[in-house]
Amino acid sequence: QLPSSGELTVEADREVIVAIEGDIQKTYTDFVVLAERERFVSKTKSSQQQTIFTLCGKQINDAGIDILARVLNQPAVGPHLQTLDLSRNTFQAHGATVLISQILRSNSIMHLKNLDLAGNGSLGSEGMRIICEALPRTRLVTISLADCALTEAHMPPLVDSLMTCREEGASLEKVDLDGNDISDDAAHELLVAS
């Protein structure tokens, strides 16, 4: 029941509409994560290979990363996961925190080497800072941050992270920054740091 007694008035019904949208988003996210889990487990059982878990463009937001973390840490998924494709989604700093703490640093997900975050422009400065600070302490070999709306302001944490990766012998070999607004000077700093 809408507060406006059935006559749609945006202001009077805003809270109810937002709550309904949130419920629909959660249901959709639960469905796409669980459907991908079933596809992944089926493929893993048939080939016994580490495979790709892909949620490209599925509108995964901060709340969706929480269910994703629970699914990826399951014994039927985590030990077989090599590539995680979260490109073109909508999570922000909270989602980045969960991604780092519950997925990239999880002992259940030992073989994850490739992470695709391309097109996640909603990460923002805080989300990028969280990801950059964590890179030296992950097992990642490649990460894609292409088309993430990165600018000069995002480069210092990434430069520091790449320098730490080099100094500590981290496994990171490739960072894809294609499609971002990065100057030649910033690109040079990144090259020197790596």
Protein backbone atom coordinates (compact mmCIF):
# COMPACT_ATOMS: atom_id res chain seq x y z
CA GLN A 1 0.00 0.00 0.00
CA LEU A 2 1.44 3.34 -1.03
CA PRO A 3 1.15 6.21 1.48
CA SER A 4 -0.65 8.30 -1.14
CA SER A 5 -3.54 5.80 -1.14
CA GLY A 6 -2.93 4.65 -4.69
CA GLU A 7 -2.38 8.01 -6.33
CA LEU A 8 1.25 8.00 -7.32
CA THR A 9 2.97 11.07 -5.98
CA VAL A 10 6.70 10.78 -6.10
CA GLU A 11 7.42 12.68 -2.88
CA ALA A 12 4.83 10.89 -0.74
CA ASP A 13 5.79 7.46 -2.03
CA ARG A 14 9.56 7.88 -2.33
CA GLU A 15 10.47 5.78 0.74
CA VAL A 16 8.17 2.93 -0.26
CA ILE A 17 9.41 2.96 -3.86
CA VAL A 18 13.06 3.00 -2.76
CA ALA A 19 12.41 0.07 -0.40
CA ILE A 20 10.70 -1.89 -3.19
CA GLU A 21 13.59 -1.14 -5.57
CA GLY A 22 16.03 -2.34 -2.90
CA ASP A 23 14.10 -5.60 -2.47
CA ILE A 24 14.00 -6.15 -6.23
CA GLN A 25 17.76 -5.45 -6.52
CA LYS A 26 18.54 -7.90 -3.70
CA THR A 27 16.36 -10.61 -5.23
CA TYR A 28 17.94 -10.09 -8.65
CA THR A 29 21.47 -10.13 -7.20
CA ASP A 30 20.78 -13.29 -5.20
CA PHE A 31 19.44 -14.93 -8.36
CA VAL A 32 22.38 -14.00 -10.63
CA VAL A 33 25.01 -14.96 -8.03
CA LEU A 34 23.35 -18.31 -7.31
CA ALA A 35 22.78 -19.02 -11.03
CA GLU A 36 26.46 -18.34 -11.74
CA ARG A 37 27.40 -20.56 -8.80
CA GLU A 38 25.42 -23.43 -10.32
CA ARG A 39 27.03 -22.89 -13.73
CA PHE A 40 30.48 -22.71 -12.16
CA VAL A 41 30.05 -25.83 -10.00
CA SER A 42 28.65 -27.78 -12.94
CA LYS A 43 31.57 -26.77 -15.16
CA THR A 44 34.10 -27.53 -12.44
CA LYS A 45 32.65 -31.00 -11.81
CA SER A 46 32.73 -31.88 -15.49
CA SER A 47 36.26 -30.63 -16.22
CA GLN A 48 37.99 -30.57 -12.81
CA GLN A 49 39.66 -27.30 -13.83
CA GLN A 50 39.87 -23.94 -12.17
CA THR A 51 37.46 -21.71 -14.01
CA ILE A 52 36.01 -18.23 -14.36
CA PHE A 53 33.21 -16.89 -12.18
CA THR A 54 31.63 -14.08 -14.18
CA LEU A 55 29.11 -11.48 -13.09
CA CYS A 56 29.88 -8.95 -15.82
CA GLY A 57 27.23 -6.22 -16.04
CA LYS A 58 24.92 -7.77 -13.45
CA GLN A 59 24.45 -4.56 -11.40
CA ILE A 60 26.19 -6.01 -8.36
CA ASN A 61 26.15 -3.33 -5.67
CA ASP A 62 27.66 -3.20 -2.16
CA ALA A 63 25.01 -5.53 -0.72
CA GLY A 64 25.55 -7.95 -3.61
CA ILE A 65 29.25 -8.29 -2.82
CA ASP A 66 28.25 -9.70 0.60
CA ILE A 67 26.33 -12.64 -0.90
CA LEU A 68 29.04 -13.09 -3.52
CA ALA A 69 31.65 -13.44 -0.77
CA ARG A 70 29.59 -16.13 0.96
CA VAL A 71 29.16 -18.08 -2.30
CA LEU A 72 32.80 -17.81 -3.36
CA ASN A 73 33.98 -19.09 0.01
CA GLN A 74 31.98 -22.31 -0.35
CA PRO A 75 34.10 -25.49 -0.78
CA ALA A 76 32.48 -26.20 -4.16
CA VAL A 77 33.61 -22.81 -5.51
CA GLY A 78 36.58 -21.21 -3.73
CA PRO A 79 39.28 -23.83 -4.34
CA HIS A 80 38.52 -23.88 -8.08
CA LEU A 81 38.30 -20.14 -8.71
CA GLN A 82 41.05 -18.64 -10.84
CA THR A 83 39.38 -15.63 -12.50
CA LEU A 84 36.69 -13.37 -11.08
CA ASP A 85 34.95 -11.04 -13.54
CA LEU A 86 33.09 -8.24 -11.76
CA SER A 87 33.33 -5.79 -14.64
CA ARG A 88 30.58 -3.21 -15.28
CA ASN A 89 28.91 -3.35 -11.87
CA THR A 90 27.96 -0.70 -9.32
CA PHE A 91 29.63 -1.44 -5.98
CA GLN A 92 31.42 1.29 -4.08
CA ALA A 93 33.85 1.55 -1.13
CA HIS A 94 31.97 -0.92 1.11
CA GLY A 95 31.92 -3.46 -1.70
CA ALA A 96 35.65 -2.92 -2.25
CA THR A 97 36.27 -3.56 1.46
CA VAL A 98 34.29 -6.82 1.36
CA LEU A 99 36.01 -7.82 -1.89
CA ILE A 100 39.42 -7.43 -0.26
CA SER A 101 38.72 -8.83 3.20
CA GLN A 102 36.39 -11.71 2.37
CA ILE A 103 37.40 -12.70 -1.16
CA LEU A 104 40.96 -11.68 -2.08
CA ARG A 105 42.40 -12.49 1.36
CA SER A 106 40.31 -15.61 1.94
CA ASN A 107 42.14 -18.87 2.62
CA SER A 108 39.25 -20.66 0.87
CA ILE A 109 40.05 -18.91 -2.41
CA MET A 110 43.73 -19.75 -2.86
CA HIS A 111 43.96 -19.85 -6.66
CA LEU A 112 42.33 -16.52 -7.59
CA LYS A 113 44.87 -14.84 -9.87
CA ASN A 114 42.82 -12.60 -12.16
CA LEU A 115 40.34 -9.91 -11.16
CA ASP A 116 38.37 -7.84 -13.66
CA LEU A 117 36.88 -4.64 -12.22
CA ALA A 118 36.69 -2.78 -15.56
CA GLY A 119 33.84 -0.33 -15.90
CA ASN A 120 33.23 0.06 -12.17
CA GLY A 121 33.27 3.85 -12.16
CA SER A 122 31.24 3.91 -8.94
CA LEU A 123 34.22 2.67 -6.91
CA GLY A 124 35.23 6.27 -6.34
CA SER A 125 38.36 7.50 -4.62
CA GLU A 126 37.76 5.57 -1.40
CA GLY A 127 37.10 2.28 -3.19
CA MET A 128 40.21 2.71 -5.33
CA ARG A 129 42.30 3.55 -2.25
CA ILE A 130 41.09 0.36 -0.53
CA ILE A 131 41.91 -1.77 -3.56
CA CYS A 132 45.31 -0.15 -4.14
CA GLU A 133 46.40 -0.55 -0.52
CA ALA A 134 45.51 -4.24 -0.60
CA LEU A 135 47.16 -5.21 -3.90
CA PRO A 136 50.59 -6.07 -2.44
CA ARG A 137 48.96 -8.52 -0.01
CA THR A 138 46.92 -10.47 -2.54
CA ARG A 139 47.81 -13.39 -4.82
CA LEU A 140 46.60 -11.53 -7.91
CA VAL A 141 48.66 -11.67 -11.09
CA THR A 142 46.38 -9.39 -13.12
CA ILE A 143 43.79 -6.77 -12.28
CA SER A 144 41.75 -4.74 -14.74
CA LEU A 145 40.78 -1.23 -13.68
CA ALA A 146 39.98 -0.19 -17.25
CA ASP A 147 37.20 2.37 -17.70
CA CYS A 148 36.88 2.97 -13.93
CA ALA A 149 36.79 6.78 -14.24
CA LEU A 150 40.30 7.04 -12.80
CA THR A 151 42.06 10.38 -12.90
CA GLU A 152 45.34 11.91 -11.75
CA ALA A 153 43.97 12.01 -8.20
CA HIS A 154 43.74 8.20 -8.10
CA MET A 155 47.34 7.64 -9.17
CA PRO A 156 49.35 8.26 -5.95
CA PRO A 157 47.85 5.27 -4.07
CA LEU A 158 48.32 3.07 -7.15
CA VAL A 159 51.94 4.21 -7.60
CA ASP A 160 52.63 3.47 -3.91
CA SER A 161 50.96 0.08 -4.25
CA LEU A 162 52.96 -0.87 -7.33
CA MET A 163 56.20 0.18 -5.64
CA THR A 164 55.33 -1.98 -2.63
CA CYS A 165 54.48 -4.90 -4.92
CA ARG A 166 57.88 -4.59 -6.58
CA GLU A 167 59.78 -4.23 -3.30
CA GLU A 168 58.02 -7.15 -1.63
CA GLY A 169 58.04 -9.46 -4.65
CA ALA A 170 54.25 -9.61 -4.92
CA SER A 171 52.77 -11.72 -7.71
CA LEU A 172 51.07 -8.78 -9.48
CA GLU A 173 52.30 -8.55 -13.08
CA LYS A 174 49.65 -6.58 -14.96
CA VAL A 175 47.34 -3.67 -14.18
CA ASP A 176 45.00 -2.68 -17.02
CA LEU A 177 44.18 1.05 -16.89
CA ASP A 178 42.85 1.44 -20.44
CA GLY A 179 40.10 4.01 -20.91
CA ASN A 180 40.93 6.17 -17.88
CA ASP A 181 41.88 9.86 -17.86
CA ILE A 182 45.56 9.47 -17.01
CA SER A 183 48.20 11.87 -18.26
CA ASP A 184 51.48 10.82 -19.83
CA ASP A 185 53.30 11.95 -16.67
CA ALA A 186 51.10 9.78 -14.46
CA ALA A 187 51.56 6.85 -16.82
CA HIS A 188 55.32 7.35 -16.62
CA GLU A 189 55.15 7.34 -12.79
CA LEU A 190 53.22 4.07 -12.92
CA LEU A 191 55.81 2.52 -15.22
CA VAL A 192 58.67 3.60 -12.98
CA ALA A 193 56.85 2.25 -9.92
CA SER A 194 56.29 -1.14 -11.48
